[in-house]
């Protein structure tokens, strides 16, 4: 039985197969480098989120410093600040005379 004659196209396709796969492979990774979840186009979004988190961190840092100051004023080893103790007790127990004016120290 005679075999079918090979066309000229078959060797050309066989020799172009490996470079074509390499181009598809590089294109796949190139696409994800630009458009992927950690790609170049997401950098701006990450920068904005980072700036927002930095602002939140600055606010929390200020709040932490204020709380540290209050804790230092209530430290029994150094003697608690009577004004701070009075302020906290009145605030927590909601005890104030009608003619008193409470001025919070922020």
N, C-alpha and C. Protein backbone atom coordinates (compact mmCIF):
# COMPACT_ATOMS: atom_id res chain seq x y z
N UNK A 1 0.82 -1.16 0.00
CA UNK A 1 0.00 0.00 0.00
C UNK A 1 0.87 1.24 0.00
N UNK A 2 0.65 2.09 -0.92
CA UNK A 2 1.48 3.29 -0.97
C UNK A 2 1.02 4.29 0.09
N UNK A 3 1.96 4.91 0.70
CA UNK A 3 1.63 5.91 1.71
C UNK A 3 1.31 7.23 1.02
N UNK A 4 0.55 8.03 1.73
CA UNK A 4 0.16 9.31 1.17
C UNK A 4 1.39 10.21 1.10
N UNK A 5 1.52 10.93 0.01
CA UNK A 5 2.69 11.80 -0.11
C UNK A 5 2.61 12.94 0.91
N UNK A 6 3.75 13.26 1.52
CA UNK A 6 3.81 14.36 2.50
C UNK A 6 3.77 15.68 1.75
N UNK A 7 3.01 16.56 2.30
CA UNK A 7 2.95 17.86 1.65
C UNK A 7 4.11 18.71 2.14
N UNK A 8 4.32 19.77 1.46
CA UNK A 8 5.42 20.69 1.85
C UNK A 8 5.05 21.48 3.11
N UNK A 9 3.79 21.52 3.42
CA UNK A 9 3.32 22.29 4.56
C UNK A 9 3.65 21.61 5.89
N UNK A 10 3.69 20.29 5.94
CA UNK A 10 3.92 19.57 7.18
C UNK A 10 5.27 19.89 7.81
N UNK A 11 6.39 19.86 7.10
CA UNK A 11 7.65 20.21 7.76
C UNK A 11 7.70 21.67 8.22
N UNK A 12 7.04 22.53 7.48
CA UNK A 12 7.00 23.94 7.85
C UNK A 12 6.24 24.10 9.17
N UNK A 13 5.10 23.41 9.30
CA UNK A 13 4.33 23.47 10.55
C UNK A 13 5.10 22.85 11.71
N UNK A 14 5.80 21.77 11.47
CA UNK A 14 6.59 21.13 12.53
C UNK A 14 7.73 22.03 12.99
N UNK A 15 8.37 22.72 12.09
CA UNK A 15 9.49 23.59 12.48
C UNK A 15 9.00 24.89 13.13
N UNK A 16 7.77 25.30 12.86
CA UNK A 16 7.25 26.54 13.43
C UNK A 16 6.51 26.28 14.75
N UNK A 17 6.30 25.04 15.12
CA UNK A 17 5.53 24.71 16.32
C UNK A 17 6.18 25.19 17.61
N UNK A 18 7.46 24.93 17.77
CA UNK A 18 8.15 25.32 19.02
C UNK A 18 8.23 26.84 19.16
N UNK A 19 8.63 27.58 18.14
CA UNK A 19 8.61 29.04 18.29
C UNK A 19 7.21 29.60 18.54
N UNK A 20 6.19 29.00 17.93
CA UNK A 20 4.83 29.48 18.17
C UNK A 20 4.42 29.25 19.62
N UNK A 21 4.75 28.09 20.16
CA UNK A 21 4.45 27.83 21.57
C UNK A 21 5.20 28.78 22.49
N UNK A 22 6.44 29.09 22.12
CA UNK A 22 7.23 30.03 22.94
C UNK A 22 6.61 31.41 22.90
N UNK A 23 6.12 31.85 21.74
CA UNK A 23 5.49 33.17 21.64
C UNK A 23 4.20 33.19 22.44
N UNK A 24 3.41 32.13 22.38
CA UNK A 24 2.17 32.07 23.16
C UNK A 24 2.50 32.09 24.66
N UNK A 25 3.51 31.36 25.06
CA UNK A 25 3.94 31.31 26.46
C UNK A 25 4.37 32.70 26.94
N UNK A 26 5.20 33.38 26.16
CA UNK A 26 5.65 34.73 26.54
C UNK A 26 4.50 35.72 26.54
N UNK A 27 3.58 35.57 25.59
CA UNK A 27 2.41 36.45 25.56
C UNK A 27 1.54 36.29 26.79
N UNK A 28 1.37 35.06 27.22
CA UNK A 28 0.57 34.78 28.41
C UNK A 28 1.16 35.48 29.63
N UNK A 29 2.46 35.32 29.84
CA UNK A 29 3.09 35.95 31.01
C UNK A 29 3.20 37.46 30.85
N UNK A 30 3.36 37.93 29.63
CA UNK A 30 3.38 39.37 29.39
C UNK A 30 2.04 40.01 29.71
N UNK A 31 0.97 39.33 29.32
CA UNK A 31 -0.37 39.83 29.61
C UNK A 31 -0.57 39.95 31.12
N UNK A 32 -0.21 38.93 31.86
CA UNK A 32 -0.38 38.97 33.32
C UNK A 32 0.56 39.96 33.99
N UNK A 33 1.70 40.24 33.37
CA UNK A 33 2.61 41.24 33.94
C UNK A 33 2.02 42.64 33.84
N UNK A 34 1.19 42.86 32.83
CA UNK A 34 0.59 44.18 32.64
C UNK A 34 -0.83 44.24 33.20
N UNK A 35 -1.65 43.26 32.87
CA UNK A 35 -3.07 43.31 33.19
C UNK A 35 -3.48 42.43 34.37
N UNK A 36 -2.59 41.65 34.90
CA UNK A 36 -2.93 40.70 35.94
C UNK A 36 -3.23 41.36 37.28
N UNK A 37 -3.57 40.56 38.29
CA UNK A 37 -3.92 41.11 39.60
C UNK A 37 -2.76 41.82 40.29
N UNK A 38 -1.54 41.52 39.95
CA UNK A 38 -0.38 42.22 40.50
C UNK A 38 0.41 42.92 39.40
N UNK A 39 -0.27 43.28 38.32
CA UNK A 39 0.40 43.87 37.17
C UNK A 39 0.65 45.36 37.31
N UNK A 40 1.18 45.91 36.24
CA UNK A 40 1.54 47.32 36.23
C UNK A 40 0.33 48.24 36.35
N UNK A 41 -0.78 47.85 35.79
CA UNK A 41 -1.97 48.71 35.85
C UNK A 41 -2.59 48.74 37.24
N UNK A 42 -2.31 47.80 38.06
CA UNK A 42 -2.82 47.78 39.44
C UNK A 42 -1.94 48.60 40.38
N UNK A 43 -0.80 49.04 39.92
CA UNK A 43 0.13 49.78 40.78
C UNK A 43 -0.50 51.06 41.31
N UNK A 44 -1.22 51.78 40.45
CA UNK A 44 -1.85 53.04 40.88
C UNK A 44 -2.89 52.78 41.95
N UNK A 45 -3.66 51.72 41.79
CA UNK A 45 -4.66 51.37 42.79
C UNK A 45 -4.00 51.02 44.13
N UNK A 46 -2.92 50.28 44.06
CA UNK A 46 -2.19 49.93 45.29
C UNK A 46 -1.59 51.18 45.94
N UNK A 47 -1.13 52.13 45.14
CA UNK A 47 -0.56 53.35 45.69
C UNK A 47 -1.63 54.16 46.43
N UNK A 48 -2.83 54.26 45.85
CA UNK A 48 -3.90 54.98 46.52
C UNK A 48 -4.31 54.29 47.83
N UNK A 49 -4.40 52.99 47.79
CA UNK A 49 -4.77 52.25 49.01
C UNK A 49 -3.70 52.42 50.08
N UNK A 50 -2.44 52.45 49.65
CA UNK A 50 -1.33 52.63 50.60
C UNK A 50 -1.41 54.01 51.25
N UNK A 51 -1.68 55.03 50.46
CA UNK A 51 -1.78 56.40 51.00
C UNK A 51 -2.94 56.48 51.99
N UNK A 52 -4.05 55.82 51.66
CA UNK A 52 -5.20 55.83 52.57
C UNK A 52 -4.86 55.14 53.88
N UNK A 53 -4.17 54.01 53.80
CA UNK A 53 -3.79 53.29 55.01
C UNK A 53 -2.79 54.09 55.85
N UNK A 54 -1.92 54.83 55.19
CA UNK A 54 -0.97 55.68 55.93
C UNK A 54 -1.71 56.76 56.71
N UNK A 55 -2.74 57.35 56.09
CA UNK A 55 -3.53 58.38 56.79
C UNK A 55 -4.26 57.77 57.99
N UNK A 56 -4.83 56.59 57.80
CA UNK A 56 -5.49 55.90 58.92
C UNK A 56 -4.49 55.58 60.02
N UNK A 57 -3.31 55.16 59.63
CA UNK A 57 -2.28 54.84 60.62
C UNK A 57 -1.89 56.08 61.41
N UNK A 58 -1.78 57.22 60.74
CA UNK A 58 -1.43 58.47 61.44
C UNK A 58 -2.50 58.82 62.46
N UNK A 59 -3.78 58.66 62.10
CA UNK A 59 -4.85 58.94 63.06
C UNK A 59 -4.80 57.97 64.24
N UNK A 60 -4.58 56.71 63.95
CA UNK A 60 -4.51 55.73 65.04
C UNK A 60 -3.30 55.98 65.93
N UNK A 61 -2.22 56.44 65.34
CA UNK A 61 -1.02 56.74 66.13
C UNK A 61 -1.29 57.91 67.08
N UNK A 62 -2.02 58.92 66.60
CA UNK A 62 -2.38 60.05 67.47
C UNK A 62 -3.27 59.58 68.61
N UNK A 63 -4.23 58.72 68.26
CA UNK A 63 -5.14 58.21 69.29
C UNK A 63 -4.39 57.38 70.32
N UNK A 64 -3.43 56.59 69.86
CA UNK A 64 -2.63 55.78 70.78
C UNK A 64 -1.81 56.66 71.71
N UNK A 65 -1.27 57.75 71.18
CA UNK A 65 -0.50 58.67 72.01
C UNK A 65 -1.40 59.31 73.08
N UNK A 66 -2.63 59.66 72.70
CA UNK A 66 -3.55 60.25 73.68
C UNK A 66 -3.91 59.23 74.76
N UNK A 67 -4.13 57.98 74.36
CA UNK A 67 -4.45 56.94 75.35
C UNK A 67 -3.26 56.66 76.26
N UNK A 68 -2.06 56.70 75.70
CA UNK A 68 -0.87 56.51 76.55
C UNK A 68 -0.76 57.62 77.59
N UNK A 69 -1.10 58.84 77.18
CA UNK A 69 -1.05 59.97 78.11
C UNK A 69 -2.07 59.77 79.23
N UNK A 70 -3.28 59.32 78.86
CA UNK A 70 -4.29 59.07 79.90
C UNK A 70 -3.85 57.97 80.85
N UNK A 71 -3.26 56.93 80.32
CA UNK A 71 -2.79 55.83 81.17
C UNK A 71 -1.69 56.34 82.10
N UNK A 72 -0.81 57.17 81.58
CA UNK A 72 0.26 57.72 82.43
C UNK A 72 -0.32 58.59 83.54
N UNK A 73 -1.39 59.32 83.23
CA UNK A 73 -2.00 60.16 84.26
C UNK A 73 -2.73 59.33 85.32
N UNK A 74 -3.12 58.13 84.98
CA UNK A 74 -3.82 57.27 85.93
C UNK A 74 -2.91 56.24 86.59
N UNK A 75 -1.62 56.32 86.35
CA UNK A 75 -0.67 55.35 86.88
C UNK A 75 -0.63 55.44 88.40
N UNK A 76 -0.98 54.37 89.11
CA UNK A 76 -0.99 54.43 90.57
C UNK A 76 0.41 54.53 91.17
N UNK A 77 1.44 54.13 90.46
CA UNK A 77 2.81 54.21 90.98
C UNK A 77 3.27 55.66 91.11
N UNK A 78 2.83 56.50 90.18
CA UNK A 78 3.23 57.90 90.22
C UNK A 78 2.21 58.78 90.91
N UNK A 79 1.10 58.18 91.29
CA UNK A 79 0.02 58.96 91.91
C UNK A 79 -0.92 59.42 90.82
N UNK A 80 -2.13 58.96 90.87
CA UNK A 80 -3.10 59.30 89.84
C UNK A 80 -3.46 60.77 89.88
N UNK A 81 -3.63 61.37 88.74
CA UNK A 81 -4.01 62.77 88.62
C UNK A 81 -5.48 62.89 89.05
N UNK A 82 -5.74 63.65 90.10
CA UNK A 82 -7.12 63.73 90.61
C UNK A 82 -8.11 64.29 89.60
N UNK A 83 -7.68 65.22 88.77
CA UNK A 83 -8.59 65.78 87.77
C UNK A 83 -8.99 64.71 86.75
N UNK A 84 -8.03 63.90 86.35
CA UNK A 84 -8.32 62.86 85.38
C UNK A 84 -9.23 61.80 85.98
N UNK A 85 -8.98 61.44 87.22
CA UNK A 85 -9.83 60.45 87.89
C UNK A 85 -11.25 60.98 88.02
N UNK A 86 -11.39 62.22 88.42
CA UNK A 86 -12.71 62.83 88.56
C UNK A 86 -13.43 62.88 87.22
N UNK A 87 -12.72 63.23 86.17
CA UNK A 87 -13.32 63.30 84.84
C UNK A 87 -13.82 61.92 84.39
N UNK A 88 -13.01 60.91 84.57
CA UNK A 88 -13.40 59.56 84.14
C UNK A 88 -14.57 59.02 84.95
N UNK A 89 -14.56 59.27 86.26
CA UNK A 89 -15.64 58.78 87.10
C UNK A 89 -16.95 59.45 86.71
N UNK A 90 -16.93 60.75 86.52
CA UNK A 90 -18.15 61.46 86.12
C UNK A 90 -18.63 61.01 84.74
N UNK A 91 -17.71 60.77 83.86
CA UNK A 91 -18.07 60.35 82.51
C UNK A 91 -18.67 58.94 82.52
N UNK A 92 -18.07 58.03 83.24
CA UNK A 92 -18.54 56.64 83.27
C UNK A 92 -19.84 56.49 84.06
N UNK A 93 -19.97 57.21 85.15
CA UNK A 93 -21.16 57.07 85.99
C UNK A 93 -22.26 58.05 85.61
N UNK A 94 -21.95 58.95 84.69
CA UNK A 94 -22.89 59.97 84.25
C UNK A 94 -23.43 60.75 85.45
N UNK A 95 -22.51 61.19 86.29
CA UNK A 95 -22.86 61.90 87.52
C UNK A 95 -22.34 63.33 87.40
N UNK A 96 -23.26 64.25 87.34
CA UNK A 96 -22.89 65.67 87.33
C UNK A 96 -24.07 66.46 87.87
N UNK A 97 -23.76 67.51 88.56
CA UNK A 97 -24.81 68.39 89.07
C UNK A 97 -25.33 69.25 87.93
N UNK A 98 -26.58 69.67 88.01
CA UNK A 98 -27.15 70.46 86.91
C UNK A 98 -26.41 71.78 86.66
N UNK A 99 -25.79 72.34 87.68
CA UNK A 99 -25.12 73.62 87.51
C UNK A 99 -23.64 73.47 87.12
N UNK A 100 -23.16 72.26 86.95
CA UNK A 100 -21.75 72.03 86.58
C UNK A 100 -21.60 72.03 85.06
N UNK A 101 -20.46 72.52 84.64
CA UNK A 101 -20.11 72.47 83.23
C UNK A 101 -18.87 71.59 83.12
N UNK A 102 -18.98 70.53 82.34
CA UNK A 102 -17.85 69.62 82.14
C UNK A 102 -17.19 69.95 80.82
N UNK A 103 -15.92 70.27 80.90
CA UNK A 103 -15.15 70.61 79.70
C UNK A 103 -14.17 69.46 79.45
N UNK A 104 -14.39 68.67 78.38
CA UNK A 104 -13.46 67.57 78.11
C UNK A 104 -12.13 68.11 77.59
N UNK A 105 -11.06 67.49 78.03
CA UNK A 105 -9.72 67.91 77.60
C UNK A 105 -9.28 67.00 76.46
N UNK A 106 -9.41 67.48 75.25
CA UNK A 106 -9.01 66.69 74.07
C UNK A 106 -7.72 67.21 73.50
